[in-house]
Amino acid sequence: MSEITKIQLGQNGPMVSKLGLGCMRMSSVWGGPTPDETESIASIKI
């Protein structure tokens, strides 16, 4: 397995992963059915 690339936030910020989790669909703001909150929380905890 390869390592996840990390970048620094700003000049003095922390090193963070370039890989992110898009969470737009975890909100009902964008239309469509209301998401299952339990499933959304489980996705974040994995």
N, C-alpha and C. Protein backbone atom coordinates (compact mmCIF):
# COMPACT_ATOMS: atom_id res chain seq x y z
N MET A 1 0.85 -1.18 0.00
CA MET A 1 0.00 0.00 0.00
C MET A 1 0.90 1.24 0.00
N SER A 2 0.53 2.24 -0.77
CA SER A 2 1.34 3.45 -0.83
C SER A 2 0.92 4.45 0.24
N GLU A 3 1.83 5.34 0.58
CA GLU A 3 1.55 6.36 1.59
C GLU A 3 0.68 7.46 1.00
N ILE A 4 -0.13 8.07 1.83
CA ILE A 4 -0.97 9.19 1.41
C ILE A 4 -0.11 10.45 1.42
N THR A 5 -0.15 11.20 0.33
CA THR A 5 0.61 12.43 0.21
C THR A 5 0.08 13.47 1.21
N LYS A 6 1.00 14.17 1.85
CA LYS A 6 0.62 15.22 2.80
C LYS A 6 1.13 16.56 2.32
N ILE A 7 0.41 17.62 2.68
CA ILE A 7 0.80 18.99 2.35
C ILE A 7 0.72 19.84 3.62
N GLN A 8 1.42 20.95 3.62
CA GLN A 8 1.39 21.85 4.76
C GLN A 8 0.36 22.94 4.50
N LEU A 9 -0.46 23.23 5.49
CA LEU A 9 -1.45 24.31 5.37
C LEU A 9 -0.77 25.63 5.70
N GLY A 10 -0.66 26.49 4.72
CA GLY A 10 -0.01 27.78 4.93
C GLY A 10 1.49 27.61 5.13
N GLN A 11 2.15 28.67 5.60
CA GLN A 11 3.61 28.61 5.80
C GLN A 11 3.99 27.92 7.09
N ASN A 12 3.14 28.03 8.12
CA ASN A 12 3.48 27.46 9.43
C ASN A 12 2.42 26.49 9.93
N GLY A 13 1.50 26.10 9.07
CA GLY A 13 0.40 25.26 9.49
C GLY A 13 0.77 23.79 9.61
N PRO A 14 -0.17 22.99 10.04
CA PRO A 14 0.07 21.56 10.22
C PRO A 14 0.16 20.83 8.88
N MET A 15 0.77 19.66 8.90
CA MET A 15 0.81 18.77 7.75
C MET A 15 -0.49 17.98 7.74
N VAL A 16 -1.18 17.98 6.61
CA VAL A 16 -2.45 17.28 6.51
C VAL A 16 -2.47 16.42 5.24
N SER A 17 -3.33 15.44 5.22
CA SER A 17 -3.48 14.56 4.07
C SER A 17 -4.11 15.32 2.92
N LYS A 18 -3.69 15.01 1.67
CA LYS A 18 -4.33 15.59 0.49
C LYS A 18 -5.68 14.94 0.24
N LEU A 19 -5.88 13.76 0.79
CA LEU A 19 -7.12 13.03 0.62
C LEU A 19 -8.18 13.62 1.54
N GLY A 20 -9.36 13.90 1.02
CA GLY A 20 -10.41 14.48 1.83
C GLY A 20 -11.73 13.74 1.67
N LEU A 21 -12.66 14.04 2.52
CA LEU A 21 -13.99 13.44 2.47
C LEU A 21 -14.99 14.54 2.14
N GLY A 22 -15.65 14.42 1.01
CA GLY A 22 -16.68 15.39 0.64
C GLY A 22 -17.95 15.10 1.44
N CYS A 23 -18.46 16.09 2.10
CA CYS A 23 -19.61 15.87 2.99
C CYS A 23 -20.87 16.60 2.55
N MET A 24 -20.90 17.11 1.31
CA MET A 24 -22.09 17.85 0.86
C MET A 24 -23.36 17.03 0.98
N ARG A 25 -23.31 15.76 0.64
CA ARG A 25 -24.51 14.93 0.65
C ARG A 25 -24.91 14.50 2.05
N MET A 26 -24.13 14.88 3.04
CA MET A 26 -24.50 14.60 4.43
C MET A 26 -25.40 15.70 4.97
N SER A 27 -25.80 16.61 4.11
CA SER A 27 -26.66 17.72 4.49
C SER A 27 -27.87 17.76 3.56
N SER A 28 -29.00 18.15 4.08
CA SER A 28 -30.19 18.26 3.25
C SER A 28 -30.27 19.61 2.53
N VAL A 29 -29.28 20.47 2.76
CA VAL A 29 -29.26 21.80 2.14
C VAL A 29 -29.25 21.71 0.62
N TRP A 30 -28.60 20.70 0.07
CA TRP A 30 -28.41 20.58 -1.37
C TRP A 30 -29.56 19.88 -2.07
N GLY A 31 -30.68 19.67 -1.42
CA GLY A 31 -31.83 19.03 -2.04
C GLY A 31 -31.76 17.52 -1.95
N GLY A 32 -32.79 16.89 -2.43
CA GLY A 32 -32.84 15.44 -2.38
C GLY A 32 -33.33 14.97 -1.03
N PRO A 33 -33.32 13.66 -0.83
CA PRO A 33 -33.83 13.13 0.43
C PRO A 33 -32.94 13.53 1.61
N THR A 34 -33.53 13.61 2.78
CA THR A 34 -32.78 13.92 3.98
C THR A 34 -31.86 12.74 4.29
N PRO A 35 -30.56 12.99 4.43
CA PRO A 35 -29.63 11.89 4.68
C PRO A 35 -29.83 11.26 6.05
N ASP A 36 -29.44 10.00 6.15
CA ASP A 36 -29.51 9.27 7.42
C ASP A 36 -28.33 9.72 8.29
N GLU A 37 -28.62 10.40 9.38
CA GLU A 37 -27.56 10.95 10.23
C GLU A 37 -26.67 9.84 10.80
N THR A 38 -27.25 8.71 11.16
CA THR A 38 -26.46 7.61 11.70
C THR A 38 -25.45 7.11 10.68
N GLU A 39 -25.87 6.99 9.43
CA GLU A 39 -24.97 6.54 8.37
C GLU A 39 -23.88 7.58 8.10
N SER A 40 -24.22 8.85 8.14
CA SER A 40 -23.23 9.92 7.93
C SER A 40 -22.16 9.89 9.01
N ILE A 41 -22.58 9.73 10.25
CA ILE A 41 -21.62 9.69 11.38
C ILE A 41 -20.73 8.46 11.26
N ALA A 42 -21.31 7.33 10.88
CA ALA A 42 -20.51 6.10 10.71
C ALA A 42 -19.46 6.28 9.63
N SER A 43 -19.79 6.99 8.54
CA SER A 43 -18.82 7.23 7.47
C SER A 43 -17.63 8.04 7.94
N ILE A 44 -17.87 9.01 8.79
CA ILE A 44 -16.81 9.87 9.30
C ILE A 44 -15.91 9.11 10.27
N LYS A 45 -16.50 8.21 11.06
CA LYS A 45 -15.74 7.47 12.08
C LYS A 45 -14.86 6.37 11.51
N ILE A 46 -15.09 5.97 10.27
CA ILE A 46 -14.30 4.87 9.68
C ILE A 46 -12.88 5.30 9.46
